[in-house]
Amino acid sequence: MASPQPLRDKALENIRFIRDTMERAGSFTAVPGWGMVAVGLTALAAAGLAGPVPAAGAGSGPATRWFALWLVEAVLALGIGSATLLRKARAANDPVLSGPGRRFGLSFLPPIVVGGVLTIALSRAGQVTLLPGTWLLLYGTAVATAGAFSVRVVPLLGLCFMALGVAALFGPPAWGTALMAAGFGGLHVLFGTIIARRYGG
């Protein structure tokens, strides 16, 4: 005859179950893994088309072309990310405008708005070489802060972007496009695959 399970072990199991349930209930789980992979692939294509960041004295033509290509990529990534996030949220019955989804969005948005403002200011001042670091750093900040309300791997993704942003800001300007390819391309593909496999879609 099997001995009964000790009361202490049963209580620990119940506490673990409650904690896991509360974590899932308090997390926005609709971060789209395969959508991130698609965004990463388009970013790698954009990096290949854009080429290196134009040097300070290269003239307005190359800088305008480089900037325009990355702007198109940003709009395309926003469309892919939004569409796949909404589709995954609907499938998982995870509300976007309330609870964790709302907190996720409100945490993600301010650094992105700051990034947009700084993009306008830096491009008007002709400081195109500072844009890769600014974009990587602020996007990483947005992902890290919003990730506090999502699955555990998302804040780590944000920290990786922030590290690349620091390298882009303080490293040689010629590294800019390669670091953006590593971040917006490579990190999105890597972490998107992890999220898709562990958390579904």
C-alpha atoms as a PDB file:
ATOM      1  CA  MET A   1       0.000   0.000   0.000  1.00  0.00           C
ATOM      2  CA  ALA A   2       1.448   3.346  -1.090  1.00  0.00           C
ATOM      3  CA  SER A   3       2.203   5.815   1.673  1.00  0.00           C
ATOM      4  CA  PRO A   4       0.165   9.046   1.546  1.00  0.00           C
ATOM      5  CA  GLN A   5       1.837  12.152   0.171  1.00  0.00           C
ATOM      6  CA  PRO A   6       3.163  14.343   3.018  1.00  0.00           C
ATOM      7  CA  LEU A   7       1.071  17.441   3.659  1.00  0.00           C
ATOM      8  CA  ARG A   8       4.120  19.677   3.191  1.00  0.00           C
ATOM      9  CA  ASP A   9       4.774  18.353  -0.358  1.00  0.00           C
ATOM     10  CA  LYS A  10       1.116  18.804  -1.288  1.00  0.00           C
ATOM     11  CA  ALA A  11       1.166  22.393   0.000  1.00  0.00           C
ATOM     12  CA  LEU A  12       4.329  23.164  -2.018  1.00  0.00           C
ATOM     13  CA  GLU A  13       2.699  21.762  -5.162  1.00  0.00           C
ATOM     14  CA  ASN A  14      -0.376  23.934  -4.587  1.00  0.00           C
ATOM     15  CA  ILE A  15       1.744  27.050  -4.034  1.00  0.00           C
ATOM     16  CA  ARG A  16       3.731  26.332  -7.209  1.00  0.00           C
ATOM     17  CA  PHE A  17       0.510  25.854  -9.188  1.00  0.00           C
ATOM     18  CA  ILE A  18      -0.954  29.118  -7.849  1.00  0.00           C
ATOM     19  CA  ARG A  19       2.250  31.019  -8.606  1.00  0.00           C
ATOM     20  CA  ASP A  20       2.453  29.680 -12.182  1.00  0.00           C
ATOM     21  CA  THR A  21      -1.222  30.473 -12.759  1.00  0.00           C
ATOM     22  CA  MET A  22      -0.781  34.025 -11.489  1.00  0.00           C
ATOM     23  CA  GLU A  23       2.306  34.529 -13.669  1.00  0.00           C
ATOM     24  CA  ARG A  24       0.389  33.418 -16.756  1.00  0.00           C
ATOM     25  CA  ALA A  25      -2.602  35.572 -15.854  1.00  0.00           C
ATOM     26  CA  GLY A  26      -0.361  38.612 -15.324  1.00  0.00           C
ATOM     27  CA  SER A  27       1.647  38.157 -18.536  1.00  0.00           C
ATOM     28  CA  PHE A  28       0.920  39.261 -22.073  1.00  0.00           C
ATOM     29  CA  THR A  29       1.622  36.060 -23.981  1.00  0.00           C
ATOM     30  CA  ALA A  30       0.632  37.228 -27.468  1.00  0.00           C
ATOM     31  CA  VAL A  31       4.160  38.304 -28.476  1.00  0.00           C
ATOM     32  CA  PRO A  32       4.312  36.810 -31.999  1.00  0.00           C
ATOM     33  CA  GLY A  33       7.319  34.531 -32.419  1.00  0.00           C
ATOM     34  CA  TRP A  34       6.930  33.831 -36.132  1.00  0.00           C
ATOM     35  CA  GLY A  35       6.060  37.487 -36.703  1.00  0.00           C
ATOM     36  CA  MET A  36       9.387  38.417 -35.110  1.00  0.00           C
ATOM     37  CA  VAL A  37      11.159  35.961 -37.403  1.00  0.00           C
ATOM     38  CA  ALA A  38       9.515  37.619 -40.433  1.00  0.00           C
ATOM     39  CA  VAL A  39      10.535  41.077 -39.158  1.00  0.00           C
ATOM     40  CA  GLY A  40      14.091  39.805 -38.705  1.00  0.00           C
ATOM     41  CA  LEU A  41      14.254  38.528 -42.265  1.00  0.00           C
ATOM     42  CA  THR A  42      13.015  41.828 -43.708  1.00  0.00           C
ATOM     43  CA  ALA A  43      15.582  43.676 -41.565  1.00  0.00           C
ATOM     44  CA  LEU A  44      18.390  41.508 -42.926  1.00  0.00           C
ATOM     45  CA  ALA A  45      17.201  42.315 -46.450  1.00  0.00           C
ATOM     46  CA  ALA A  46      17.084  46.038 -45.603  1.00  0.00           C
ATOM     47  CA  ALA A  47      20.629  45.909 -44.215  1.00  0.00           C
ATOM     48  CA  GLY A  48      21.842  44.277 -47.431  1.00  0.00           C
ATOM     49  CA  LEU A  49      20.130  46.899 -49.599  1.00  0.00           C
ATOM     50  CA  ALA A  50      21.123  49.895 -47.469  1.00  0.00           C
ATOM     51  CA  GLY A  51      24.812  49.099 -47.152  1.00  0.00           C
ATOM     52  CA  PRO A  52      27.106  50.843 -44.662  1.00  0.00           C
ATOM     53  CA  VAL A  53      26.043  53.985 -42.820  1.00  0.00           C
ATOM     54  CA  PRO A  54      27.131  56.966 -44.973  1.00  0.00           C
ATOM     55  CA  ALA A  55      30.073  58.851 -43.490  1.00  0.00           C
ATOM     56  CA  ALA A  56      29.580  62.407 -42.239  1.00  0.00           C
ATOM     57  CA  GLY A  57      30.999  63.990 -45.427  1.00  0.00           C
ATOM     58  CA  ALA A  58      29.360  61.598 -47.902  1.00  0.00           C
ATOM     59  CA  GLY A  59      26.720  64.112 -48.993  1.00  0.00           C
ATOM     60  CA  SER A  60      22.958  64.111 -48.663  1.00  0.00           C
ATOM     61  CA  GLY A  61      22.224  61.597 -51.455  1.00  0.00           C
ATOM     62  CA  PRO A  62      23.640  58.412 -49.867  1.00  0.00           C
ATOM     63  CA  ALA A  63      22.417  59.458 -46.427  1.00  0.00           C
ATOM     64  CA  THR A  64      18.892  60.072 -47.743  1.00  0.00           C
ATOM     65  CA  ARG A  65      18.824  56.708 -49.534  1.00  0.00           C
ATOM     66  CA  TRP A  66      20.102  54.843 -46.439  1.00  0.00           C
ATOM     67  CA  PHE A  67      17.623  56.628 -44.177  1.00  0.00           C
ATOM     68  CA  ALA A  68      14.701  56.025 -46.575  1.00  0.00           C
ATOM     69  CA  LEU A  69      15.412  52.292 -46.812  1.00  0.00           C
ATOM     70  CA  TRP A  70      15.419  51.894 -43.040  1.00  0.00           C
ATOM     71  CA  LEU A  71      12.287  54.008 -42.745  1.00  0.00           C
ATOM     72  CA  VAL A  72      10.493  51.691 -45.181  1.00  0.00           C
ATOM     73  CA  GLU A  73      11.744  48.723 -43.147  1.00  0.00           C
ATOM     74  CA  ALA A  74      10.397  50.288 -39.930  1.00  0.00           C
ATOM     75  CA  VAL A  75       6.937  50.741 -41.466  1.00  0.00           C
ATOM     76  CA  LEU A  76       6.994  47.187 -42.865  1.00  0.00           C
ATOM     77  CA  ALA A  77       8.108  45.769 -39.486  1.00  0.00           C
ATOM     78  CA  LEU A  78       5.367  47.696 -37.697  1.00  0.00           C
ATOM     79  CA  GLY A  79       2.759  46.253 -40.067  1.00  0.00           C
ATOM     80  CA  ILE A  80       4.029  42.674 -39.718  1.00  0.00           C
ATOM     81  CA  GLY A  81       4.428  42.925 -35.950  1.00  0.00           C
ATOM     82  CA  SER A  82       0.995  44.461 -35.373  1.00  0.00           C
ATOM     83  CA  ALA A  83      -0.842  42.019 -37.637  1.00  0.00           C
ATOM     84  CA  THR A  84       0.792  38.917 -36.166  1.00  0.00           C
ATOM     85  CA  LEU A  85       0.397  40.169 -32.580  1.00  0.00           C
ATOM     86  CA  LEU A  86      -3.325  40.792 -33.067  1.00  0.00           C
ATOM     87  CA  ARG A  87      -3.797  37.409 -34.719  1.00  0.00           C
ATOM     88  CA  LYS A  88      -2.000  35.563 -31.900  1.00  0.00           C
ATOM     89  CA  ALA A  89      -3.878  37.564 -29.236  1.00  0.00           C
ATOM     90  CA  ARG A  90      -7.230  36.657 -30.825  1.00  0.00           C
ATOM     91  CA  ALA A  91      -6.295  32.981 -31.081  1.00  0.00           C
ATOM     92  CA  ALA A  92      -5.191  32.890 -27.420  1.00  0.00           C
ATOM     93  CA  ASN A  93      -8.105  35.038 -26.214  1.00  0.00           C
ATOM     94  CA  ASP A  94      -5.493  37.425 -24.759  1.00  0.00           C
ATOM     95  CA  PRO A  95      -6.969  40.962 -24.634  1.00  0.00           C
ATOM     96  CA  VAL A  96      -4.744  43.661 -26.133  1.00  0.00           C
ATOM     97  CA  LEU A  97      -6.478  46.743 -24.714  1.00  0.00           C
ATOM     98  CA  SER A  98      -6.863  45.596 -21.112  1.00  0.00           C
ATOM     99  CA  GLY A  99      -4.872  43.873 -18.391  1.00  0.00           C
ATOM    100  CA  PRO A 100      -1.318  42.793 -19.241  1.00  0.00           C
ATOM    101  CA  GLY A 101      -1.764  43.710 -22.924  1.00  0.00           C
ATOM    102  CA  ARG A 102      -2.533  47.310 -22.028  1.00  0.00           C
ATOM    103  CA  ARG A 103       0.424  47.497 -19.636  1.00  0.00           C
ATOM    104  CA  PHE A 104       2.660  45.954 -22.294  1.00  0.00           C
ATOM    105  CA  GLY A 105       1.621  48.572 -24.854  1.00  0.00           C
ATOM    106  CA  LEU A 106       1.901  51.522 -22.465  1.00  0.00           C
ATOM    107  CA  SER A 107       5.410  50.431 -21.491  1.00  0.00           C
ATOM    108  CA  PHE A 108       6.488  49.836 -25.085  1.00  0.00           C
ATOM    109  CA  LEU A 109       5.188  53.088 -26.554  1.00  0.00           C
ATOM    110  CA  PRO A 110       7.138  55.892 -24.747  1.00  0.00           C
ATOM    111  CA  PRO A 111      10.661  54.774 -25.781  1.00  0.00           C
ATOM    112  CA  ILE A 112       9.418  54.322 -29.360  1.00  0.00           C
ATOM    113  CA  VAL A 113       7.968  57.860 -29.397  1.00  0.00           C
ATOM    114  CA  VAL A 114      11.264  59.205 -28.012  1.00  0.00           C
ATOM    115  CA  GLY A 115      13.078  57.287 -30.750  1.00  0.00           C
ATOM    116  CA  GLY A 116      10.886  58.917 -33.396  1.00  0.00           C
ATOM    117  CA  VAL A 117      11.533  62.407 -32.002  1.00  0.00           C
ATOM    118  CA  LEU A 118      15.294  61.821 -31.832  1.00  0.00           C
ATOM    119  CA  THR A 119      15.262  60.401 -35.358  1.00  0.00           C
ATOM    120  CA  ILE A 120      13.796  63.644 -36.692  1.00  0.00           C
ATOM    121  CA  ALA A 121      16.237  65.772 -34.672  1.00  0.00           C
ATOM    122  CA  LEU A 122      19.340  63.769 -35.628  1.00  0.00           C
ATOM    123  CA  SER A 123      18.433  63.513 -39.310  1.00  0.00           C
ATOM    124  CA  ARG A 124      17.798  67.269 -39.500  1.00  0.00           C
ATOM    125  CA  ALA A 125      21.178  67.885 -37.869  1.00  0.00           C
ATOM    126  CA  GLY A 126      22.888  65.578 -40.365  1.00  0.00           C
ATOM    127  CA  GLN A 127      23.928  63.113 -37.628  1.00  0.00           C
ATOM    128  CA  VAL A 128      22.942  59.965 -39.511  1.00  0.00           C
ATOM    129  CA  THR A 129      25.814  57.985 -37.982  1.00  0.00           C
ATOM    130  CA  LEU A 130      24.146  58.256 -34.565  1.00  0.00           C
ATOM    131  CA  LEU A 131      20.853  56.740 -35.757  1.00  0.00           C
ATOM    132  CA  PRO A 132      21.777  53.006 -35.550  1.00  0.00           C
ATOM    133  CA  GLY A 133      22.799  53.294 -31.888  1.00  0.00           C
ATOM    134  CA  THR A 134      19.775  55.439 -31.050  1.00  0.00           C
ATOM    135  CA  TRP A 135      17.351  53.048 -32.736  1.00  0.00           C
ATOM    136  CA  LEU A 136      18.849  49.913 -31.182  1.00  0.00           C
ATOM    137  CA  LEU A 137      19.076  51.422 -27.707  1.00  0.00           C
ATOM    138  CA  LEU A 138      15.545  52.838 -27.590  1.00  0.00           C
ATOM    139  CA  TYR A 139      13.931  49.818 -29.223  1.00  0.00           C
ATOM    140  CA  GLY A 140      15.751  47.656 -26.688  1.00  0.00           C
ATOM    141  CA  THR A 141      14.479  49.888 -23.887  1.00  0.00           C
ATOM    142  CA  ALA A 142      10.919  49.531 -25.202  1.00  0.00           C
ATOM    143  CA  VAL A 143      11.184  45.743 -25.405  1.00  0.00           C
ATOM    144  CA  ALA A 144      12.836  45.423 -21.973  1.00  0.00           C
ATOM    145  CA  THR A 145      10.264  47.585 -20.178  1.00  0.00           C
ATOM    146  CA  ALA A 146       7.278  46.043 -21.950  1.00  0.00           C
ATOM    147  CA  GLY A 147       8.778  42.609 -21.386  1.00  0.00           C
ATOM    148  CA  ALA A 148       8.161  42.988 -17.672  1.00  0.00           C
ATOM    149  CA  PHE A 149       4.529  42.195 -18.548  1.00  0.00           C
ATOM    150  CA  SER A 150       5.300  39.364 -20.966  1.00  0.00           C
ATOM    151  CA  VAL A 151       7.066  36.014 -21.083  1.00  0.00           C
ATOM    152  CA  ARG A 152      10.495  35.816 -19.451  1.00  0.00           C
ATOM    153  CA  VAL A 153      12.557  35.766 -22.643  1.00  0.00           C
ATOM    154  CA  VAL A 154      11.274  39.163 -23.869  1.00  0.00           C
ATOM    155  CA  PRO A 155      13.177  41.381 -21.363  1.00  0.00           C
ATOM    156  CA  LEU A 156      16.357  39.474 -22.250  1.00  0.00           C
ATOM    157  CA  LEU A 157      15.770  40.351 -25.904  1.00  0.00           C
ATOM    158  CA  GLY A 158      15.505  44.009 -24.914  1.00  0.00           C
ATOM    159  CA  LEU A 159      18.779  43.901 -22.976  1.00  0.00           C
ATOM    160  CA  CYS A 160      20.551  42.358 -25.980  1.00  0.00           C
ATOM    161  CA  PHE A 161      19.278  45.196 -28.188  1.00  0.00           C
ATOM    162  CA  MET A 162      20.464  47.751 -25.635  1.00  0.00           C
ATOM    163  CA  ALA A 163      23.955  46.211 -25.603  1.00  0.00           C
ATOM    164  CA  LEU A 164      24.131  46.455 -29.394  1.00  0.00           C
ATOM    165  CA  GLY A 165      22.917  50.066 -29.178  1.00  0.00           C
ATOM    166  CA  VAL A 166      25.733  50.991 -26.816  1.00  0.00           C
ATOM    167  CA  ALA A 167      28.245  49.314 -29.164  1.00  0.00           C
ATOM    168  CA  ALA A 168      26.813  51.249 -32.123  1.00  0.00           C
ATOM    169  CA  LEU A 169      26.914  54.598 -30.305  1.00  0.00           C
ATOM    170  CA  PHE A 170      30.489  54.259 -29.044  1.00  0.00           C
ATOM    171  CA  GLY A 171      31.993  52.052 -31.750  1.00  0.00           C
ATOM    172  CA  PRO A 172      33.137  53.082 -35.236  1.00  0.00           C
ATOM    173  CA  PRO A 173      30.256  54.489 -37.363  1.00  0.00           C
ATOM    174  CA  ALA A 174      31.063  51.874 -40.020  1.00  0.00           C
ATOM    175  CA  TRP A 175      29.677  49.201 -37.652  1.00  0.00           C
ATOM    176  CA  GLY A 176      26.196  50.782 -37.673  1.00  0.00           C
ATOM    177  CA  THR A 177      24.472  48.742 -40.369  1.00  0.00           C
ATOM    178  CA  ALA A 178      26.115  45.475 -39.290  1.00  0.00           C
ATOM    179  CA  LEU A 179      24.953  45.993 -35.704  1.00  0.00           C
ATOM    180  CA  MET A 180      21.426  46.812 -36.910  1.00  0.00           C
ATOM    181  CA  ALA A 181      21.465  43.634 -38.996  1.00  0.00           C
ATOM    182  CA  ALA A 182      22.593  41.700 -35.903  1.00  0.00           C
ATOM    183  CA  GLY A 183      19.851  43.285 -33.782  1.00  0.00           C
ATOM    184  CA  PHE A 184      16.788  43.895 -35.924  1.00  0.00           C
ATOM    185  CA  GLY A 185      17.686  40.892 -38.071  1.00  0.00           C
ATOM    186  CA  GLY A 186      19.540  38.265 -36.061  1.00  0.00           C
ATOM    187  CA  LEU A 187      18.051  38.833 -32.611  1.00  0.00           C
ATOM    188  CA  HIS A 188      14.503  38.922 -33.974  1.00  0.00           C
ATOM    189  CA  VAL A 189      15.033  35.635 -35.829  1.00  0.00           C
ATOM    190  CA  LEU A 190      16.704  33.938 -32.837  1.00  0.00           C
ATOM    191  CA  PHE A 191      14.317  35.096 -30.108  1.00  0.00           C
ATOM    192  CA  GLY A 192      11.290  34.844 -32.396  1.00  0.00           C
ATOM    193  CA  THR A 193      12.076  31.173 -32.998  1.00  0.00           C
ATOM    194  CA  ILE A 194      12.472  30.576 -29.242  1.00  0.00           C
ATOM    195  CA  ILE A 195       9.152  32.308 -28.480  1.00  0.00           C
ATOM    196  CA  ALA A 196       7.339  30.457 -31.266  1.00  0.00           C
ATOM    197  CA  ARG A 197       8.534  27.076 -30.064  1.00  0.00           C
ATOM    198  CA  ARG A 198       8.112  27.620 -26.328  1.00  0.00           C
ATOM    199  CA  TYR A 199       5.019  29.809 -26.230  1.00  0.00           C
ATOM    200  CA  GLY A 200       3.236  28.941 -29.467  1.00  0.00           C
ATOM    201  CA  GLY A 201       3.203  30.884 -32.731  1.00  0.00           C
END
